């Protein structure tokens, strides 16, 4: 079965009743965890973006606390998983400010992580790529936010 385009889906959804739409959303939520998470964000978190950011930061703190520090192999796997989850949460929000704030927080946590990421090339390169990515995203923000986030970014770039 070939998936329909967004335009086709939109056109078809406009012809459905509210009850049918409700049933479609609930059925969609049953199939994948990501669908449920997105629905949860849209229904409960979208109105309070700062609360959403704080809850994601708390999860990031928990994830960093659970990292197995026995070898850099486990650290790399865990850090990549944390970054993948953060990017998923950023996709749910779709807000550029949220994206920059969460990625800056991730970089701060990674920089302060012990054992130091300076001792591992792959982790250090991942950190540098995120800083470059953040600096590119800053241009799309309001001037005041650019300044605030730019200061935080410069602090992270210092050795």
C-alpha atoms as a PDB file:
ATOM      1  CA  UNK A   1       0.000   0.000   0.000  1.00  0.00           C
ATOM      2  CA  UNK A   2       1.356   3.394  -0.975  1.00  0.00           C
ATOM      3  CA  UNK A   3       0.931   6.251   1.507  1.00  0.00           C
ATOM      4  CA  UNK A   4      -1.102   9.255   0.400  1.00  0.00           C
ATOM      5  CA  UNK A   5       0.299  12.751   0.255  1.00  0.00           C
ATOM      6  CA  UNK A   6      -0.388  15.288   2.996  1.00  0.00           C
ATOM      7  CA  UNK A   7      -2.584  17.306   0.621  1.00  0.00           C
ATOM      8  CA  UNK A   8      -4.720  14.247  -0.142  1.00  0.00           C
ATOM      9  CA  UNK A   9      -5.038  13.425   3.564  1.00  0.00           C
ATOM     10  CA  UNK A  10      -5.977  17.017   4.409  1.00  0.00           C
ATOM     11  CA  UNK A  11      -8.647  17.067   1.724  1.00  0.00           C
ATOM     12  CA  UNK A  12     -10.123  13.794   2.953  1.00  0.00           C
ATOM     13  CA  UNK A  13     -10.050  14.834   6.638  1.00  0.00           C
ATOM     14  CA  UNK A  14     -12.033  17.987   5.842  1.00  0.00           C
ATOM     15  CA  UNK A  15     -14.953  15.799   4.787  1.00  0.00           C
ATOM     16  CA  UNK A  16     -15.032  13.806   8.036  1.00  0.00           C
ATOM     17  CA  UNK A  17     -17.218  14.494  11.055  1.00  0.00           C
ATOM     18  CA  UNK A  18     -15.709  15.384  14.461  1.00  0.00           C
ATOM     19  CA  UNK A  19     -16.578  11.932  15.818  1.00  0.00           C
ATOM     20  CA  UNK A  20     -14.822  10.247  12.919  1.00  0.00           C
ATOM     21  CA  UNK A  21     -11.771  12.472  13.442  1.00  0.00           C
ATOM     22  CA  UNK A  22     -11.696  11.571  17.124  1.00  0.00           C
ATOM     23  CA  UNK A  23     -11.794   7.868  16.316  1.00  0.00           C
ATOM     24  CA  UNK A  24      -9.084   8.244  13.683  1.00  0.00           C
ATOM     25  CA  UNK A  25      -6.789  10.057  16.146  1.00  0.00           C
ATOM     26  CA  UNK A  26      -7.332   7.451  18.852  1.00  0.00           C
ATOM     27  CA  UNK A  27      -6.704   4.632  16.423  1.00  0.00           C
ATOM     28  CA  UNK A  28      -3.541   6.349  15.185  1.00  0.00           C
ATOM     29  CA  UNK A  29      -2.372   6.692  18.788  1.00  0.00           C
ATOM     30  CA  UNK A  30      -2.608   2.945  19.333  1.00  0.00           C
ATOM     31  CA  UNK A  31       0.014   2.019  16.783  1.00  0.00           C
ATOM     32  CA  UNK A  32       3.214   3.791  17.684  1.00  0.00           C
ATOM     33  CA  UNK A  33       4.666   5.249  20.834  1.00  0.00           C
ATOM     34  CA  UNK A  34       5.761   8.337  18.874  1.00  0.00           C
ATOM     35  CA  UNK A  35       2.171   8.978  17.758  1.00  0.00           C
ATOM     36  CA  UNK A  36       1.033   8.888  21.396  1.00  0.00           C
ATOM     37  CA  UNK A  37       3.853  11.180  22.447  1.00  0.00           C
ATOM     38  CA  UNK A  38       2.995  13.667  19.707  1.00  0.00           C
ATOM     39  CA  UNK A  39      -0.694  13.622  20.647  1.00  0.00           C
ATOM     40  CA  UNK A  40       0.278  14.132  24.300  1.00  0.00           C
ATOM     41  CA  UNK A  41       2.402  17.134  23.347  1.00  0.00           C
ATOM     42  CA  UNK A  42      -0.304  18.653  21.149  1.00  0.00           C
ATOM     43  CA  UNK A  43      -3.074  18.167  23.708  1.00  0.00           C
ATOM     44  CA  UNK A  44      -1.310  18.897  26.993  1.00  0.00           C
ATOM     45  CA  UNK A  45       2.061  20.558  26.469  1.00  0.00           C
ATOM     46  CA  UNK A  46       1.714  22.843  23.414  1.00  0.00           C
ATOM     47  CA  UNK A  47       0.060  25.622  25.437  1.00  0.00           C
ATOM     48  CA  UNK A  48       2.906  25.745  27.970  1.00  0.00           C
ATOM     49  CA  UNK A  49       6.176  25.622  26.008  1.00  0.00           C
ATOM     50  CA  UNK A  50       8.349  26.621  28.979  1.00  0.00           C
ATOM     51  CA  UNK A  51       6.880  23.796  31.074  1.00  0.00           C
ATOM     52  CA  UNK A  52       7.533  21.401  28.214  1.00  0.00           C
ATOM     53  CA  UNK A  53      11.163  22.522  28.001  1.00  0.00           C
ATOM     54  CA  UNK A  54      11.614  22.052  31.749  1.00  0.00           C
ATOM     55  CA  UNK A  55      10.130  18.544  31.654  1.00  0.00           C
ATOM     56  CA  UNK A  56      12.452  17.572  28.796  1.00  0.00           C
ATOM     57  CA  UNK A  57      15.422  19.003  30.725  1.00  0.00           C
ATOM     58  CA  UNK A  58      14.473  16.887  33.739  1.00  0.00           C
ATOM     59  CA  UNK A  59      14.392  13.790  31.530  1.00  0.00           C
ATOM     60  CA  UNK A  60      17.802  14.701  30.102  1.00  0.00           C
ATOM     61  CA  UNK A  61      19.166  14.983  33.647  1.00  0.00           C
ATOM     62  CA  UNK A  62      17.827  11.504  34.435  1.00  0.00           C
ATOM     63  CA  UNK A  63      19.297  10.051  31.233  1.00  0.00           C
ATOM     64  CA  UNK A  64      22.726  11.540  31.930  1.00  0.00           C
ATOM     65  CA  UNK A  65      22.563  10.125  35.469  1.00  0.00           C
ATOM     66  CA  UNK A  66      21.905   6.625  34.117  1.00  0.00           C
ATOM     67  CA  UNK A  67      24.901   6.522  31.736  1.00  0.00           C
ATOM     68  CA  UNK A  68      27.208   3.565  32.253  1.00  0.00           C
ATOM     69  CA  UNK A  69      30.657   5.141  32.624  1.00  0.00           C
ATOM     70  CA  UNK A  70      32.640   1.882  32.526  1.00  0.00           C
ATOM     71  CA  UNK A  71      33.853   2.545  28.987  1.00  0.00           C
ATOM     72  CA  UNK A  72      33.567   5.207  26.318  1.00  0.00           C
ATOM     73  CA  UNK A  73      31.702   2.704  24.139  1.00  0.00           C
ATOM     74  CA  UNK A  74      28.725   2.739  26.523  1.00  0.00           C
ATOM     75  CA  UNK A  75      28.999   6.483  27.018  1.00  0.00           C
ATOM     76  CA  UNK A  76      28.871   7.085  23.237  1.00  0.00           C
ATOM     77  CA  UNK A  77      25.842   4.823  22.812  1.00  0.00           C
ATOM     78  CA  UNK A  78      24.009   6.546  25.656  1.00  0.00           C
ATOM     79  CA  UNK A  79      24.871  10.076  24.509  1.00  0.00           C
ATOM     80  CA  UNK A  80      23.689   9.311  20.976  1.00  0.00           C
ATOM     81  CA  UNK A  81      20.443   7.904  22.375  1.00  0.00           C
ATOM     82  CA  UNK A  82      19.916  11.021  24.500  1.00  0.00           C
ATOM     83  CA  UNK A  83      20.529  13.268  21.483  1.00  0.00           C
ATOM     84  CA  UNK A  84      18.137  11.191  19.352  1.00  0.00           C
ATOM     85  CA  UNK A  85      15.409  11.573  21.997  1.00  0.00           C
ATOM     86  CA  UNK A  86      16.023  15.312  22.314  1.00  0.00           C
ATOM     87  CA  UNK A  87      15.722  15.702  18.538  1.00  0.00           C
ATOM     88  CA  UNK A  88      12.435  13.764  18.669  1.00  0.00           C
ATOM     89  CA  UNK A  89      11.076  16.133  21.319  1.00  0.00           C
ATOM     90  CA  UNK A  90      12.257  19.099  19.256  1.00  0.00           C
ATOM     91  CA  UNK A  91      10.360  17.723  16.257  1.00  0.00           C
ATOM     92  CA  UNK A  92       7.183  17.549  18.343  1.00  0.00           C
ATOM     93  CA  UNK A  93       7.494  21.192  19.291  1.00  0.00           C
ATOM     94  CA  UNK A  94       8.606  22.612  15.966  1.00  0.00           C
ATOM     95  CA  UNK A  95       9.648  25.804  17.782  1.00  0.00           C
ATOM     96  CA  UNK A  96      13.117  27.164  16.897  1.00  0.00           C
ATOM     97  CA  UNK A  97      13.596  28.678  20.349  1.00  0.00           C
ATOM     98  CA  UNK A  98      12.847  25.333  21.993  1.00  0.00           C
ATOM     99  CA  UNK A  99      15.273  23.618  19.634  1.00  0.00           C
ATOM    100  CA  UNK A 100      18.155  25.935  20.466  1.00  0.00           C
ATOM    101  CA  UNK A 101      17.453  25.888  24.202  1.00  0.00           C
ATOM    102  CA  UNK A 102      17.313  22.081  24.416  1.00  0.00           C
ATOM    103  CA  UNK A 103      20.433  21.602  22.302  1.00  0.00           C
ATOM    104  CA  UNK A 104      22.325  24.157  24.398  1.00  0.00           C
ATOM    105  CA  UNK A 105      21.254  22.303  27.524  1.00  0.00           C
ATOM    106  CA  UNK A 106      22.428  19.011  26.018  1.00  0.00           C
ATOM    107  CA  UNK A 107      25.821  20.548  25.199  1.00  0.00           C
ATOM    108  CA  UNK A 108      26.140  21.971  28.722  1.00  0.00           C
ATOM    109  CA  UNK A 109      25.420  18.563  30.233  1.00  0.00           C
ATOM    110  CA  UNK A 110      27.845  16.873  27.851  1.00  0.00           C
ATOM    111  CA  UNK A 111      30.591  19.404  28.567  1.00  0.00           C
ATOM    112  CA  UNK A 112      30.240  18.956  32.344  1.00  0.00           C
ATOM    113  CA  UNK A 113      30.022  15.155  32.065  1.00  0.00           C
ATOM    114  CA  UNK A 114      32.693  13.085  33.762  1.00  0.00           C
ATOM    115  CA  UNK A 115      34.781  11.361  32.427  1.00  0.00           C
ATOM    116  CA  UNK A 116      35.575  14.250  30.147  1.00  0.00           C
ATOM    117  CA  UNK A 117      34.524  14.064  26.504  1.00  0.00           C
ATOM    118  CA  UNK A 118      37.895  15.630  25.635  1.00  0.00           C
ATOM    119  CA  UNK A 119      39.372  12.139  26.065  1.00  0.00           C
ATOM    120  CA  UNK A 120      37.241  10.668  23.273  1.00  0.00           C
ATOM    121  CA  UNK A 121      37.378  11.901  19.688  1.00  0.00           C
ATOM    122  CA  UNK A 122      33.906  10.699  18.681  1.00  0.00           C
ATOM    123  CA  UNK A 123      32.185  12.362  21.636  1.00  0.00           C
ATOM    124  CA  UNK A 124      34.151  15.574  21.207  1.00  0.00           C
ATOM    125  CA  UNK A 125      33.275  15.687  17.493  1.00  0.00           C
ATOM    126  CA  UNK A 126      29.587  15.109  18.309  1.00  0.00           C
ATOM    127  CA  UNK A 127      29.780  18.017  20.767  1.00  0.00           C
ATOM    128  CA  UNK A 128      31.442  20.273  18.170  1.00  0.00           C
ATOM    129  CA  UNK A 129      28.853  19.362  15.511  1.00  0.00           C
ATOM    130  CA  UNK A 130      26.036  20.306  17.876  1.00  0.00           C
ATOM    131  CA  UNK A 131      27.677  23.668  18.614  1.00  0.00           C
ATOM    132  CA  UNK A 132      27.976  24.337  14.870  1.00  0.00           C
ATOM    133  CA  UNK A 133      24.352  23.302  14.353  1.00  0.00           C
ATOM    134  CA  UNK A 134      23.205  25.622  17.152  1.00  0.00           C
ATOM    135  CA  UNK A 135      25.140  28.573  15.725  1.00  0.00           C
ATOM    136  CA  UNK A 136      23.395  28.061  12.360  1.00  0.00           C
ATOM    137  CA  UNK A 137      19.978  27.912  14.045  1.00  0.00           C
ATOM    138  CA  UNK A 138      20.583  31.141  15.971  1.00  0.00           C
ATOM    139  CA  UNK A 139      20.173  33.229  12.804  1.00  0.00           C
ATOM    140  CA  UNK A 140      16.468  32.330  12.595  1.00  0.00           C
ATOM    141  CA  UNK A 141      15.697  33.672  16.081  1.00  0.00           C
ATOM    142  CA  UNK A 142      14.728  37.135  17.327  1.00  0.00           C
ATOM    143  CA  UNK A 143      17.673  39.495  17.996  1.00  0.00           C
ATOM    144  CA  UNK A 144      17.257  39.419  21.788  1.00  0.00           C
ATOM    145  CA  UNK A 145      17.191  35.628  21.813  1.00  0.00           C
ATOM    146  CA  UNK A 146      20.165  35.543  19.450  1.00  0.00           C
ATOM    147  CA  UNK A 147      22.150  37.583  21.939  1.00  0.00           C
ATOM    148  CA  UNK A 148      21.139  35.508  24.986  1.00  0.00           C
ATOM    149  CA  UNK A 149      21.675  32.160  23.311  1.00  0.00           C
ATOM    150  CA  UNK A 150      24.819  33.482  21.595  1.00  0.00           C
ATOM    151  CA  UNK A 151      26.347  34.241  24.995  1.00  0.00           C
ATOM    152  CA  UNK A 152      25.589  30.709  26.195  1.00  0.00           C
ATOM    153  CA  UNK A 153      27.038  29.298  22.982  1.00  0.00           C
ATOM    154  CA  UNK A 154      30.262  31.299  23.374  1.00  0.00           C
ATOM    155  CA  UNK A 155      30.612  29.981  26.931  1.00  0.00           C
ATOM    156  CA  UNK A 156      30.360  26.442  25.595  1.00  0.00           C
ATOM    157  CA  UNK A 157      32.953  27.085  22.877  1.00  0.00           C
ATOM    158  CA  UNK A 158      35.590  28.205  25.391  1.00  0.00           C
ATOM    159  CA  UNK A 159      38.119  25.459  26.223  1.00  0.00           C
END
